Each structure stands twice: as structure tokens, then as C-alpha cells.
C-alpha atoms as a PDB file:
ATOM      1  CA  MET A   1       2.014   1.755   2.082  1.00  0.00           C
ATOM      2  CA  PRO A   2       4.283   4.627   0.960  1.00  0.00           C
ATOM      3  CA  LEU A   3       5.907   4.484  -2.446  1.00  0.00           C
ATOM      4  CA  ILE A   4       9.583   3.605  -2.666  1.00  0.00           C
ATOM      5  CA  GLU A   5      11.728   6.685  -3.289  1.00  0.00           C
ATOM      6  CA  ALA A   6      15.243   5.290  -2.746  1.00  0.00           C
ATOM      7  CA  PRO A   7      16.993   3.814  -5.801  1.00  0.00           C
ATOM      8  CA  GLU A   8      18.587   1.033  -3.735  1.00  0.00           C
ATOM      9  CA  ALA A   9      15.217  -0.074  -2.384  1.00  0.00           C
ATOM     10  CA  ALA A  10      13.678   0.040  -5.875  1.00  0.00           C
ATOM     11  CA  MET A  11      16.504  -2.101  -7.218  1.00  0.00           C
ATOM     12  CA  ARG A  12      16.021  -4.640  -4.404  1.00  0.00           C
ATOM     13  CA  LEU A  13      12.289  -4.782  -5.130  1.00  0.00           C
ATOM     14  CA  ALA A  14      12.874  -5.337  -8.855  1.00  0.00           C
ATOM     15  CA  ARG A  15      15.327  -8.142  -8.118  1.00  0.00           C
ATOM     16  CA  ALA A  16      12.951  -9.761  -5.613  1.00  0.00           C
ATOM     17  CA  ILE A  17      10.076  -9.704  -8.102  1.00  0.00           C
ATOM     18  CA  CYS A  18      12.262 -11.221 -10.836  1.00  0.00           C
ATOM     19  CA  SER A  19      13.514 -13.831  -8.396  1.00  0.00           C
ATOM     20  CA  ASP A  20       9.919 -14.895  -7.764  1.00  0.00           C
ATOM     21  CA  VAL A  21       9.197 -15.002 -11.499  1.00  0.00           C
ATOM     22  CA  SER A  22      12.241 -17.213 -11.943  1.00  0.00           C
ATOM     23  CA  LEU A  23      11.365 -19.475  -9.032  1.00  0.00           C
ATOM     24  CA  TYR A  24       7.797 -20.148 -10.148  1.00  0.00           C
ATOM     25  CA  ASN A  25       8.420 -20.393 -13.914  1.00  0.00           C
ATOM     26  CA  GLU A  26      11.634 -22.419 -14.244  1.00  0.00           C
ATOM     27  CA  GLU A  27      10.459 -24.738 -17.031  1.00  0.00           C
ATOM     28  CA  LYS A  28       8.837 -21.945 -19.019  1.00  0.00           C
ATOM     29  CA  ILE A  29      12.015 -19.863 -18.783  1.00  0.00           C
ATOM     30  CA  VAL A  30      14.224 -22.719 -19.956  1.00  0.00           C
ATOM     31  CA  ARG A  31      11.910 -23.477 -22.889  1.00  0.00           C
ATOM     32  CA  GLY A  32      11.766 -19.795 -23.795  1.00  0.00           C
ATOM     33  CA  ILE A  33      15.547 -19.556 -23.865  1.00  0.00           C
ATOM     34  CA  GLU A  34      15.956 -22.787 -25.792  1.00  0.00           C
ATOM     35  CA  HIS A  35      13.408 -21.707 -28.418  1.00  0.00           C
ATOM     36  CA  ASP A  36      14.559 -18.076 -28.485  1.00  0.00           C
ATOM     37  CA  ASN A  37      11.134 -16.755 -27.474  1.00  0.00           C
ATOM     38  CA  PHE A  38      11.775 -15.943 -23.816  1.00  0.00           C
ATOM     39  CA  PHE A  39      10.025 -12.570 -23.802  1.00  0.00           C
ATOM     40  CA  ASP A  40       7.035 -13.860 -25.746  1.00  0.00           C
ATOM     41  CA  SER A  41       6.546 -16.950 -23.610  1.00  0.00           C
ATOM     42  CA  LEU A  42       6.884 -15.036 -20.322  1.00  0.00           C
ATOM     43  CA  GLN A  43       5.076 -11.889 -21.424  1.00  0.00           C
ATOM     44  CA  GLU A  44       2.234 -12.295 -18.933  1.00  0.00           C
ATOM     45  CA  GLU A  45       4.469 -13.064 -15.948  1.00  0.00           C
ATOM     46  CA  LEU A  46       6.959 -10.305 -16.751  1.00  0.00           C
ATOM     47  CA  GLU A  47       4.195  -7.746 -17.264  1.00  0.00           C
ATOM     48  CA  GLU A  48       2.520  -8.747 -13.996  1.00  0.00           C
ATOM     49  CA  GLY A  49       5.856  -8.244 -12.245  1.00  0.00           C
ATOM     50  CA  ARG A  50       6.349  -4.897 -13.964  1.00  0.00           C
ATOM     51  CA  GLU A  51       2.926  -3.697 -12.818  1.00  0.00           C
ATOM     52  CA  LEU A  52       3.681  -4.748  -9.239  1.00  0.00           C
ATOM     53  CA  TYR A  53       7.001  -2.912  -9.407  1.00  0.00           C
ATOM     54  CA  ARG A  54       5.366   0.192 -10.909  1.00  0.00           C
ATOM     55  CA  SER A  55       2.707   0.210  -8.192  1.00  0.00           C
ATOM     56  CA  ARG A  56       5.298   0.192  -5.408  1.00  0.00           C
ATOM     57  CA  VAL A  57       7.831   2.718  -6.794  1.00  0.00           C
ATOM     58  CA  SER A  58       7.366   6.469  -7.091  1.00  0.00           C
ATOM     59  CA  PRO A  59       6.442   7.554 -10.639  1.00  0.00           C
ATOM     60  CA  GLU A  60       9.546   9.758 -10.858  1.00  0.00           C
ATOM     61  CA  LEU A  61      11.890   6.928  -9.928  1.00  0.00           C
ATOM     62  CA  TYR A  62      10.104   4.528 -12.271  1.00  0.00           C
ATOM     63  CA  ALA A  63      10.430   6.968 -15.183  1.00  0.00           C
ATOM     64  CA  GLN A  64      14.110   7.686 -14.521  1.00  0.00           C
ATOM     65  CA  THR A  65      15.399   4.128 -14.100  1.00  0.00           C
ATOM     66  CA  ASN A  66      15.275   0.747 -15.772  1.00  0.00           C
ATOM     67  CA  PHE A  67      15.783  -1.358 -12.639  1.00  0.00           C
ATOM     68  CA  TYR A  68      13.061  -3.852 -13.523  1.00  0.00           C
ATOM     69  CA  ASP A  69      14.431  -4.509 -17.024  1.00  0.00           C
ATOM     70  CA  ARG A  70      17.947  -4.866 -15.615  1.00  0.00           C
ATOM     71  CA  ALA A  71      16.670  -7.323 -13.013  1.00  0.00           C
ATOM     72  CA  ILE A  72      15.123  -9.487 -15.744  1.00  0.00           C
ATOM     73  CA  VAL A  73      18.552  -9.831 -17.320  1.00  0.00           C
ATOM     74  CA  ASP A  74      20.591 -10.041 -14.097  1.00  0.00           C
ATOM     75  CA  VAL A  75      18.320 -12.315 -12.094  1.00  0.00           C
ATOM     76  CA  ILE A  76      16.459 -14.446 -14.624  1.00  0.00           C
ATOM     77  CA  LEU A  77      18.548 -14.655 -17.786  1.00  0.00           C
ATOM     78  CA  ARG A  78      22.052 -14.554 -16.342  1.00  0.00           C
ATOM     79  CA  SER A  79      21.280 -17.443 -14.012  1.00  0.00           C
ATOM     80  CA  LYS A  80      20.251 -19.523 -17.030  1.00  0.00           C
ATOM     81  CA  GLY A  81      23.508 -19.076 -18.941  1.00  0.00           C
ATOM     82  CA  HIS A  82      23.980 -22.848 -18.902  1.00  0.00           C
ATOM     83  CA  VAL A  83      20.845 -23.440 -21.006  1.00  0.00           C
ATOM     84  CA  LYS A  84      21.648 -24.230 -24.654  1.00  0.00           C
ATOM     85  CA  SER A  85      20.490 -21.464 -26.933  1.00  0.00           C
ATOM     86  CA  ARG A  86      21.257 -19.928 -30.299  1.00  0.00           C
ATOM     87  CA  ILE A  87      21.436 -16.510 -28.688  1.00  0.00           C
ATOM     88  CA  TRP A  88      24.582 -17.317 -26.680  1.00  0.00           C
END
């Protein structure tokens, strides 16, 4: 499978991966937000997603963009804005 070179395709991939992380880890995400340890509690899942993203995107595009990190915020965290937390 060829590596993704187009920024739009890389952004879609990052969002799809984060959507899957969100779908399969709902309770863990909510607890992480409530206890202000989101990144610690989802470290394994987020890193697995990052490695998948890195393996599918060209090294140049990966190094020049932060699409995966933005997708974590846009797809996972923003959709959980209703969860009570000290951070918002």
C-alpha cells in the first residue's frame, strides 16, 4: 500500500483513527477527563493510533504536520465537552 502524500487524506486518516479510539474507549476517555489524566490513561491507545498513522503517511508529511495531535483534540476531546472536569 503506498504511503499517503496528500495533506487532506492524512487529515482524514488521523480523524478516522481518533474516531475509532473514541468509539472503543468511551468509558476510559470520560474517566480520564473527569480525573484530569486523559493522556496518561489513554497513553497506550493513543500511541497505537499514532504508530498506525505514522506507518500510513509519508515521513515528510508526518514531520511537517500535527494532524494526529489535532485529531485527538478535535475528534476525541471536543466531543466530550459535556463531561465535568476541572480543566474546562
